[in-house]
Amino acid sequence: MLEKGLDAETAYEILSIDIADVDVGDNIGAKLQIDQAEAELNVARANAAEKLAMAQAREQEMVALAQKMRAKVVEAQTEVPKAIAEAFKAGTIGESAK
């Protein structure tokens, strides 16, 4: 500041400048970036939670489908002895296909 000649054309000469206190305000730009990053993080977490819930629901659907298919297999297995008994009654067991 002394080199800029701020005391030119005055009756005073600036000898020194003492700075007793510097107040740096909040960095609004940085605060906005932090808020934006937090918002994006919250959105990412929500998306991840949604995907997890969808995956868990799909897993439960597959478990239910597998159980349903096992029940069909058991049901089909119960038909085998019935078919054998009917073949014995009809006298067709052991005959070769013609």
C-alpha atoms as a PDB file:
ATOM      1  CA  MET A   1       0.000   0.000   0.000  1.00  0.00           C
ATOM      2  CA  LEU A   2       2.906   2.313   0.709  1.00  0.00           C
ATOM      3  CA  GLU A   3       4.220   1.802  -2.829  1.00  0.00           C
ATOM      4  CA  LYS A   4       0.908   2.858  -4.437  1.00  0.00           C
ATOM      5  CA  GLY A   5       1.322   6.393  -3.219  1.00  0.00           C
ATOM      6  CA  LEU A   6      -1.906   6.648  -1.307  1.00  0.00           C
ATOM      7  CA  ASP A   7      -0.510   9.604   0.606  1.00  0.00           C
ATOM      8  CA  ALA A   8       0.253  11.602  -2.559  1.00  0.00           C
ATOM      9  CA  GLU A   9      -1.094  15.136  -2.610  1.00  0.00           C
ATOM     10  CA  THR A  10      -1.917  15.036   1.086  1.00  0.00           C
ATOM     11  CA  ALA A  11      -0.350  16.722   4.065  1.00  0.00           C
ATOM     12  CA  TYR A  12       0.415  13.339   5.549  1.00  0.00           C
ATOM     13  CA  GLU A  13       2.923  10.623   4.877  1.00  0.00           C
ATOM     14  CA  ILE A  14       1.996   7.024   5.548  1.00  0.00           C
ATOM     15  CA  LEU A  15       4.851   5.438   7.453  1.00  0.00           C
ATOM     16  CA  SER A  16       3.351   2.030   8.236  1.00  0.00           C
ATOM     17  CA  ILE A  17       0.103   0.170   8.305  1.00  0.00           C
ATOM     18  CA  ASP A  18      -0.763  -2.106  11.208  1.00  0.00           C
ATOM     19  CA  ILE A  19      -3.373  -4.775  10.674  1.00  0.00           C
ATOM     20  CA  ALA A  20      -4.780  -5.775  14.026  1.00  0.00           C
ATOM     21  CA  ASP A  21      -7.589  -8.069  12.907  1.00  0.00           C
ATOM     22  CA  VAL A  22      -8.550  -9.817   9.697  1.00  0.00           C
ATOM     23  CA  ASP A  23     -12.036 -11.232   9.558  1.00  0.00           C
ATOM     24  CA  VAL A  24     -12.405 -13.843   6.871  1.00  0.00           C
ATOM     25  CA  GLY A  25     -16.055 -14.523   6.204  1.00  0.00           C
ATOM     26  CA  ASP A  26     -17.527 -17.890   5.422  1.00  0.00           C
ATOM     27  CA  ASN A  27     -16.532 -19.384   2.130  1.00  0.00           C
ATOM     28  CA  ILE A  28     -19.978 -19.535   0.553  1.00  0.00           C
ATOM     29  CA  GLY A  29     -18.726 -21.390  -2.523  1.00  0.00           C
ATOM     30  CA  ALA A  30     -17.181 -24.144  -0.423  1.00  0.00           C
ATOM     31  CA  LYS A  31     -20.297 -24.386   1.729  1.00  0.00           C
ATOM     32  CA  LEU A  32     -22.469 -24.746  -1.373  1.00  0.00           C
ATOM     33  CA  GLN A  33     -20.173 -27.457  -2.731  1.00  0.00           C
ATOM     34  CA  ILE A  34     -20.347 -29.330   0.571  1.00  0.00           C
ATOM     35  CA  ASP A  35     -24.143 -29.060   0.612  1.00  0.00           C
ATOM     36  CA  GLN A  36     -24.317 -30.271  -2.991  1.00  0.00           C
ATOM     37  CA  ALA A  37     -22.014 -33.206  -2.221  1.00  0.00           C
ATOM     38  CA  GLU A  38     -24.130 -34.153   0.803  1.00  0.00           C
ATOM     39  CA  ALA A  39     -27.295 -33.975  -1.304  1.00  0.00           C
ATOM     40  CA  GLU A  40     -25.739 -36.180  -3.969  1.00  0.00           C
ATOM     41  CA  LEU A  41     -24.594 -38.620  -1.291  1.00  0.00           C
ATOM     42  CA  ASN A  42     -28.128 -38.790   0.119  1.00  0.00           C
ATOM     43  CA  VAL A  43     -29.535 -39.458  -3.360  1.00  0.00           C
ATOM     44  CA  ALA A  44     -26.940 -42.177  -3.960  1.00  0.00           C
ATOM     45  CA  ARG A  45     -27.778 -43.781  -0.602  1.00  0.00           C
ATOM     46  CA  ALA A  46     -31.491 -43.687  -1.414  1.00  0.00           C
ATOM     47  CA  ASN A  47     -30.852 -45.284  -4.808  1.00  0.00           C
ATOM     48  CA  ALA A  48     -28.704 -47.969  -3.206  1.00  0.00           C
ATOM     49  CA  ALA A  49     -31.383 -48.682  -0.605  1.00  0.00           C
ATOM     50  CA  GLU A  50     -33.997 -48.949  -3.361  1.00  0.00           C
ATOM     51  CA  LYS A  51     -31.832 -51.371  -5.358  1.00  0.00           C
ATOM     52  CA  LEU A  52     -31.201 -53.438  -2.232  1.00  0.00           C
ATOM     53  CA  ALA A  53     -34.933 -53.619  -1.488  1.00  0.00           C
ATOM     54  CA  MET A  54     -35.668 -54.634  -5.084  1.00  0.00           C
ATOM     55  CA  ALA A  55     -32.974 -57.321  -4.965  1.00  0.00           C
ATOM     56  CA  GLN A  56     -34.312 -58.676  -1.683  1.00  0.00           C
ATOM     57  CA  ALA A  57     -37.858 -58.737  -3.067  1.00  0.00           C
ATOM     58  CA  ARG A  58     -36.661 -60.570  -6.182  1.00  0.00           C
ATOM     59  CA  GLU A  59     -34.767 -63.053  -4.021  1.00  0.00           C
ATOM     60  CA  GLN A  60     -37.943 -63.776  -2.045  1.00  0.00           C
ATOM     61  CA  GLU A  61     -39.870 -64.228  -5.300  1.00  0.00           C
ATOM     62  CA  MET A  62     -37.291 -66.764  -6.444  1.00  0.00           C
ATOM     63  CA  VAL A  63     -37.438 -68.603  -3.098  1.00  0.00           C
ATOM     64  CA  ALA A  64     -41.230 -68.805  -3.419  1.00  0.00           C
ATOM     65  CA  LEU A  65     -40.972 -70.008  -7.024  1.00  0.00           C
ATOM     66  CA  ALA A  66     -38.442 -72.685  -6.067  1.00  0.00           C
ATOM     67  CA  GLN A  67     -40.743 -73.862  -3.282  1.00  0.00           C
ATOM     68  CA  LYS A  68     -43.660 -73.995  -5.719  1.00  0.00           C
ATOM     69  CA  MET A  69     -41.598 -76.057  -8.170  1.00  0.00           C
ATOM     70  CA  ARG A  70     -40.536 -78.462  -5.379  1.00  0.00           C
ATOM     71  CA  ALA A  71     -44.217 -78.909  -4.502  1.00  0.00           C
ATOM     72  CA  LYS A  72     -44.978 -79.768  -8.135  1.00  0.00           C
ATOM     73  CA  VAL A  73     -42.155 -82.336  -8.154  1.00  0.00           C
ATOM     74  CA  VAL A  74     -43.482 -83.945  -4.971  1.00  0.00           C
ATOM     75  CA  GLU A  75     -46.980 -83.975  -6.460  1.00  0.00           C
ATOM     76  CA  ALA A  76     -45.671 -85.631  -9.634  1.00  0.00           C
ATOM     77  CA  GLN A  77     -43.729 -88.177  -7.574  1.00  0.00           C
ATOM     78  CA  THR A  78     -46.950 -89.236  -5.849  1.00  0.00           C
ATOM     79  CA  GLU A  79     -48.463 -90.050  -9.237  1.00  0.00           C
ATOM     80  CA  VAL A  80     -45.754 -92.626 -10.060  1.00  0.00           C
ATOM     81  CA  PRO A  81     -46.914 -95.311  -7.566  1.00  0.00           C
ATOM     82  CA  LYS A  82     -50.524 -94.747  -8.675  1.00  0.00           C
ATOM     83  CA  ALA A  83     -49.554 -95.278 -12.302  1.00  0.00           C
ATOM     84  CA  ILE A  84     -47.625 -98.450 -11.423  1.00  0.00           C
ATOM     85  CA  ALA A  85     -50.600 -99.809  -9.438  1.00  0.00           C
ATOM     86  CA  GLU A  86     -52.962 -99.088 -12.333  1.00  0.00           C
ATOM     87  CA  ALA A  87     -50.583-100.790 -14.753  1.00  0.00           C
ATOM     88  CA  PHE A  88     -50.535-103.896 -12.500  1.00  0.00           C
ATOM     89  CA  LYS A  89     -54.349-103.903 -12.348  1.00  0.00           C
ATOM     90  CA  ALA A  90     -54.652-103.496 -16.085  1.00  0.00           C
ATOM     91  CA  GLY A  91     -52.010-106.130 -16.704  1.00  0.00           C
ATOM     92  CA  THR A  92     -49.988-103.824 -18.850  1.00  0.00           C
ATOM     93  CA  ILE A  93     -46.884-103.638 -16.716  1.00  0.00           C
ATOM     94  CA  GLY A  94     -43.873-105.243 -18.274  1.00  0.00           C
ATOM     95  CA  GLU A  95     -45.332-105.246 -21.778  1.00  0.00           C
ATOM     96  CA  SER A  96     -43.118-103.794 -24.434  1.00  0.00           C
ATOM     97  CA  ALA A  97     -44.409-100.991 -26.548  1.00  0.00           C
ATOM     98  CA  LYS A  98     -45.733-102.174 -29.890  1.00  0.00           C
END
